[in-house]
Amino acid sequence: MIGIGLKTQHVGGLLAQPRVLDFVEVHAENYMVRGGPFLAHLERVREQHALSVHGVGLSIGGPGPLDDDHLERLAALLSRFEPRWFSEHLAWSSHGGVCFDDLLPVPYDDATLARVCDHVDRLQERVGRRVLLENPSTYLEFDASTMSEAQFLCEVVRRTGCGLLLDVNNAYVSAANHGRDAAAFVDALPAQAVGEIHLAGFAEDPDTANGRLLIDAHGSPVDDDVWRLYRYALARIGGRPTLIERDNNVPALHTLLAEACRAREILRSTTTETAA
């Protein structure tokens, strides 16, 4: 199954042509309202496509408790639209009542693990469904970390029963930024827990030491190295629903559909090779 992130400027185009996608994904926070054109558009699109809802503002990794109002509005959205998949970032995005635009990293230690598991348990209980937790892009690491990112994710899955959203671009960006092997990260994940895959483009900018710094910008086509890592991931874990993300410099619909077609061909060829 192949999908794209739904943008308002593409709704008319998707509805006007035969179905060429299997699903679309929306950011929960854009639809946690009582009415208006966004919800009306989503109702129409859902008649033709399966739906994935992706949350970016619950602050699963944050130091404080989950925001009750945010959680209730999220639960109402999921109850209304009943998406095929629901995911959230492993990150924190609010503190002291202030929300940040960035998805900030967490230390991978026992205290954070306990807190994240508590948050995931509460979230899954309230919405009555399994959440897929997404690996973040990171640009720094904490000295306090006592385990790797993959070890941390494996333990969250074991303790809570949640699934994983494998963002292949994030895995590549983080590995490049920290001098690690992205394929080894994929190898270390529990394959059966991965319920969805994301693909996106990154930006590159030299850091202060003139080294390579990759930014998860979602403003360009998927990089060739990320496509290669995607092939590797499919061979490792099997076929999974795959989303093309583009949140900045959003191109015409046909451009995104071309990337979706490329993902479909890779998914088809890789799973056929694996089966053979």
Protein backbone atom coordinates (compact mmCIF):
# COMPACT_ATOMS: atom_id res chain seq x y z
CA MET A 1 0.00 0.00 0.00
CA ILE A 2 1.30 3.43 -1.00
CA GLY A 3 0.13 6.87 0.13
CA ILE A 4 1.01 10.54 0.37
CA GLY A 5 0.49 13.21 2.98
CA LEU A 6 -2.78 14.99 2.18
CA LYS A 7 -2.50 18.71 1.38
CA THR A 8 -5.53 20.95 0.89
CA GLN A 9 -4.36 22.05 -2.57
CA HIS A 10 -4.40 18.44 -3.73
CA VAL A 11 -7.85 17.44 -2.48
CA GLY A 12 -9.64 18.45 -5.69
CA GLY A 13 -7.12 16.64 -7.87
CA LEU A 14 -7.37 13.42 -5.87
CA LEU A 15 -11.16 13.45 -5.99
CA ALA A 16 -11.30 14.26 -9.71
CA GLN A 17 -9.34 11.26 -10.96
CA PRO A 18 -9.50 7.48 -10.59
CA ARG A 19 -7.94 6.30 -7.37
CA VAL A 20 -4.19 6.09 -7.80
CA LEU A 21 -3.26 5.85 -4.11
CA ASP A 22 -4.09 3.32 -1.43
CA PHE A 23 -4.18 5.78 1.47
CA VAL A 24 -3.53 9.33 2.57
CA GLU A 25 -2.12 10.61 5.83
CA VAL A 26 -2.99 13.77 7.76
CA HIS A 27 -1.47 15.48 10.77
CA ALA A 28 -3.91 15.12 13.63
CA GLU A 29 -3.41 18.66 14.89
CA ASN A 30 -4.74 20.14 11.62
CA TYR A 31 -8.08 18.36 12.09
CA MET A 32 -8.73 18.54 15.83
CA VAL A 33 -11.54 21.04 15.35
CA ARG A 34 -15.33 20.85 15.55
CA GLY A 35 -16.12 21.84 11.98
CA GLY A 36 -14.99 23.67 8.88
CA PRO A 37 -13.67 22.87 5.40
CA PHE A 38 -10.75 20.68 6.54
CA LEU A 39 -13.08 18.11 8.10
CA ALA A 40 -15.45 18.26 5.13
CA HIS A 41 -12.56 17.63 2.72
CA LEU A 42 -11.30 14.74 4.81
CA GLU A 43 -14.75 13.12 4.87
CA ARG A 44 -14.83 13.18 1.07
CA VAL A 45 -11.28 11.88 0.63
CA ARG A 46 -11.91 9.10 3.12
CA GLU A 47 -14.70 7.78 0.91
CA GLN A 48 -12.05 6.81 -1.66
CA HIS A 49 -8.87 6.21 0.35
CA ALA A 50 -7.81 4.50 3.52
CA LEU A 51 -6.67 6.97 6.17
CA SER A 52 -3.63 7.28 8.40
CA VAL A 53 -3.53 9.87 11.20
CA HIS A 54 -0.13 11.10 12.37
CA GLY A 55 0.22 13.12 15.57
CA VAL A 56 3.07 15.56 16.09
CA GLY A 57 2.02 17.51 19.18
CA LEU A 58 1.24 15.10 22.01
CA SER A 59 4.82 15.27 23.34
CA ILE A 60 5.16 11.57 24.13
CA GLY A 61 8.74 12.10 25.31
CA GLY A 62 8.07 15.27 27.28
CA PRO A 63 8.93 15.56 30.97
CA GLY A 64 5.39 16.47 32.00
CA PRO A 65 2.10 14.57 31.81
CA LEU A 66 0.16 14.32 28.58
CA ASP A 67 -2.09 17.30 27.92
CA ASP A 68 -5.65 16.20 28.80
CA ASP A 69 -7.37 18.56 26.36
CA HIS A 70 -5.10 17.54 23.49
CA LEU A 71 -5.66 13.88 24.27
CA GLU A 72 -9.44 14.26 24.36
CA ARG A 73 -9.57 16.11 21.04
CA LEU A 74 -7.27 13.51 19.50
CA ALA A 75 -9.49 10.69 20.77
CA ALA A 76 -12.56 12.41 19.29
CA LEU A 77 -10.83 12.74 15.89
CA LEU A 78 -9.82 9.08 15.83
CA SER A 79 -13.29 8.00 16.89
CA ARG A 80 -14.89 10.04 14.11
CA PHE A 81 -12.63 8.98 11.23
CA GLU A 82 -11.46 5.52 12.41
CA PRO A 83 -8.13 5.57 10.53
CA ARG A 84 -6.38 2.39 9.48
CA TRP A 85 -3.19 3.55 11.25
CA PHE A 86 -2.42 6.04 14.00
CA SER A 87 1.11 7.20 14.83
CA GLU A 88 2.98 9.62 17.09
CA HIS A 89 6.57 10.81 17.31
CA LEU A 90 9.04 9.67 19.95
CA ALA A 91 9.93 13.25 20.88
CA TRP A 92 8.90 16.10 23.11
CA SER A 93 7.35 19.27 21.75
CA SER A 94 6.02 21.17 24.77
CA HIS A 95 7.23 22.29 28.17
CA GLY A 96 5.72 24.49 30.84
CA GLY A 97 2.62 25.07 28.74
CA VAL A 98 4.67 26.26 25.73
CA CYS A 99 4.55 24.36 22.43
CA PHE A 100 7.59 24.25 20.16
CA ASP A 101 7.74 23.88 16.39
CA ASP A 102 10.46 21.25 16.58
CA LEU A 103 10.26 17.62 17.62
CA LEU A 104 13.01 17.56 20.23
CA PRO A 105 15.09 14.49 21.14
CA VAL A 106 15.07 12.60 24.43
CA PRO A 107 17.83 10.87 26.39
CA TYR A 108 17.67 7.11 26.06
CA ASP A 109 17.84 6.16 29.73
CA ASP A 110 15.73 4.28 32.27
CA ALA A 111 13.88 7.35 33.54
CA THR A 112 12.85 8.42 30.04
CA LEU A 113 11.90 4.85 29.17
CA ALA A 114 9.55 4.61 32.15
CA ARG A 115 7.97 7.97 31.33
CA VAL A 116 7.51 7.21 27.62
CA CYS A 117 5.97 3.83 28.41
CA ASP A 118 3.54 5.45 30.84
CA HIS A 119 2.56 7.98 28.18
CA VAL A 120 2.12 5.32 25.50
CA ASP A 121 0.03 3.17 27.86
CA ARG A 122 -2.24 6.11 28.68
CA LEU A 123 -2.55 7.11 25.04
CA GLN A 124 -3.44 3.62 23.83
CA GLU A 125 -5.93 3.13 26.64
CA ARG A 126 -7.67 6.44 25.93
CA VAL A 127 -7.94 6.09 22.15
CA GLY A 128 -8.61 2.36 22.26
CA ARG A 129 -6.11 1.46 19.57
CA ARG A 130 -2.46 0.63 19.01
CA VAL A 131 -0.15 3.54 18.31
CA LEU A 132 2.85 3.34 15.99
CA LEU A 133 5.78 5.20 17.52
CA GLU A 134 8.04 6.98 15.02
CA ASN A 135 11.82 7.17 15.26
CA PRO A 136 12.89 10.86 15.17
CA SER A 137 15.60 12.68 13.28
CA THR A 138 18.25 13.83 15.74
CA TYR A 139 21.08 16.35 15.58
CA LEU A 140 22.58 15.85 19.02
CA GLU A 141 22.80 13.12 21.62
CA PHE A 142 22.65 13.12 25.41
CA ASP A 143 25.55 12.05 27.57
CA ALA A 144 22.91 10.65 29.94
CA SER A 145 21.81 8.00 27.41
CA THR A 146 22.53 4.46 28.58
CA MET A 147 21.10 2.59 25.58
CA SER A 148 20.90 3.00 21.82
CA GLU A 149 17.85 4.35 20.05
CA ALA A 150 16.99 0.91 18.70
CA GLN A 151 17.33 -0.68 22.15
CA PHE A 152 15.05 2.01 23.56
CA LEU A 153 12.42 1.46 20.89
CA CYS A 154 12.55 -2.31 21.31
CA GLU A 155 11.94 -1.96 25.03
CA VAL A 156 9.02 0.45 24.56
CA VAL A 157 7.44 -2.06 22.16
CA ARG A 158 8.00 -4.93 24.60
CA ARG A 159 6.52 -3.08 27.59
CA THR A 160 3.53 -1.38 25.93
CA GLY A 161 2.60 -3.52 22.95
CA CYS A 162 2.79 -0.47 20.67
CA GLY A 163 4.03 -0.68 17.11
CA LEU A 164 6.66 1.27 15.20
CA LEU A 165 6.53 3.70 12.32
CA LEU A 166 9.89 3.33 10.60
CA ASP A 167 10.81 6.68 9.09
CA VAL A 168 13.57 5.64 6.71
CA ASN A 169 14.61 9.23 6.06
CA ASN A 170 14.88 9.90 9.80
CA ALA A 171 16.97 6.76 10.24
CA TYR A 172 19.32 7.89 7.48
CA VAL A 173 19.55 11.48 8.74
CA SER A 174 20.28 10.46 12.34
CA ALA A 175 22.85 7.86 11.31
CA ALA A 176 24.65 10.34 9.05
CA ASN A 177 24.65 13.03 11.72
CA HIS A 178 26.09 10.72 14.38
CA GLY A 179 28.44 8.68 12.19
CA ARG A 180 26.50 5.44 12.48
CA ASP A 181 25.20 2.74 10.15
CA ALA A 182 21.54 3.25 9.23
CA ALA A 183 21.22 -0.35 8.04
CA ALA A 184 22.39 -1.58 11.44
CA PHE A 185 19.63 0.52 13.04
CA VAL A 186 17.05 -1.16 10.82
CA ASP A 187 18.50 -4.58 11.65
CA ALA A 188 18.12 -3.92 15.37
CA LEU A 189 14.39 -3.11 15.23
CA PRO A 190 11.73 -5.77 15.91
CA ALA A 191 10.52 -6.33 12.33
CA GLN A 192 7.09 -7.58 13.37
CA ALA A 193 6.36 -4.33 15.19
CA VAL A 194 6.82 -2.08 12.14
CA GLY A 195 3.37 -1.12 10.86
CA GLU A 196 4.16 1.72 8.46
CA ILE A 197 7.10 3.36 6.68
CA HIS A 198 7.73 7.04 5.91
CA LEU A 199 9.92 8.41 3.12
CA ALA A 200 10.90 12.07 2.78
CA GLY A 201 13.63 14.42 1.59
CA PHE A 202 16.31 16.05 3.69
CA ALA A 203 18.36 19.23 3.45
CA GLU A 204 22.14 19.40 3.93
CA ASP A 205 24.08 22.15 5.63
CA PRO A 206 27.66 22.20 6.98
CA ASP A 207 27.88 22.25 10.77
CA THR A 208 30.19 24.56 12.75
CA ALA A 209 33.12 22.20 12.15
CA ASN A 210 32.34 22.16 8.42
CA GLY A 211 31.12 18.59 8.71
CA ARG A 212 28.03 17.12 7.08
CA LEU A 213 24.76 17.99 8.83
CA LEU A 214 21.47 16.62 7.50
CA ILE A 215 18.15 18.27 8.35
CA ASP A 216 14.81 16.48 8.19
CA ALA A 217 13.24 19.27 6.11
CA HIS A 218 10.48 17.49 4.11
CA GLY A 219 11.03 20.01 1.34
CA SER A 220 12.66 18.00 -1.44
CA PRO A 221 12.38 14.66 -3.24
CA VAL A 222 13.47 11.47 -1.52
CA ASP A 223 17.26 11.14 -1.77
CA ASP A 224 18.80 8.20 -3.64
CA ASP A 225 20.52 7.00 -0.46
CA VAL A 226 17.16 6.94 1.32
CA TRP A 227 15.64 4.95 -1.55
CA ARG A 228 18.47 2.43 -1.15
CA LEU A 229 17.87 2.21 2.59
CA TYR A 230 14.15 1.72 1.86
CA ARG A 231 14.98 -1.28 -0.35
CA TYR A 232 17.14 -2.67 2.42
CA ALA A 233 14.41 -2.18 5.01
CA LEU A 234 11.82 -3.94 2.87
CA ALA A 235 14.16 -6.88 2.33
CA ARG A 236 14.74 -6.99 6.09
CA ILE A 237 11.19 -6.57 7.42
CA GLY A 238 8.94 -7.30 4.44
CA GLY A 239 6.41 -5.11 2.66
CA ARG A 240 4.78 -2.34 4.69
CA PRO A 241 2.39 0.54 3.88
CA THR A 242 4.64 3.37 2.70
CA LEU A 243 4.03 7.12 2.75
CA ILE A 244 5.69 9.90 0.78
CA GLU A 245 5.94 13.00 3.01
CA ARG A 246 6.27 16.56 1.73
CA ASP A 247 5.47 19.45 4.06
CA ASN A 248 7.59 22.27 2.60
CA ASN A 249 8.03 23.38 -1.02
CA VAL A 250 5.00 21.22 -1.76
CA PRO A 251 4.97 20.40 -5.50
CA ALA A 252 2.11 19.69 -7.86
CA LEU A 253 0.11 16.54 -7.19
CA HIS A 254 1.52 14.72 -10.22
CA THR A 255 5.06 15.14 -8.84
CA LEU A 256 4.13 13.48 -5.54
CA LEU A 257 2.26 10.74 -7.38
CA ALA A 258 5.40 10.02 -9.43
CA GLU A 259 7.36 9.49 -6.20
CA ALA A 260 4.54 7.31 -4.90
CA CYS A 261 4.75 5.23 -8.09
CA ARG A 262 8.49 4.80 -7.56
CA ALA A 263 7.85 3.59 -4.01
CA ARG A 264 5.21 1.19 -5.31
CA GLU A 265 7.60 -0.30 -7.85
CA ILE A 266 10.31 -0.75 -5.22
CA LEU A 267 7.81 -2.29 -2.81
CA ARG A 268 6.53 -4.66 -5.49
CA SER A 269 9.94 -5.70 -6.78
CA THR A 270 11.52 -6.10 -3.36
CA THR A 271 8.72 -8.18 -1.91
CA THR A 272 8.66 -10.34 -5.06
CA GLU A 273 12.42 -10.93 -4.76
CA THR A 274 12.03 -11.76 -1.06
CA ALA A 275 9.22 -14.21 -1.75
CA ALA A 276 11.28 -15.91 -4.47
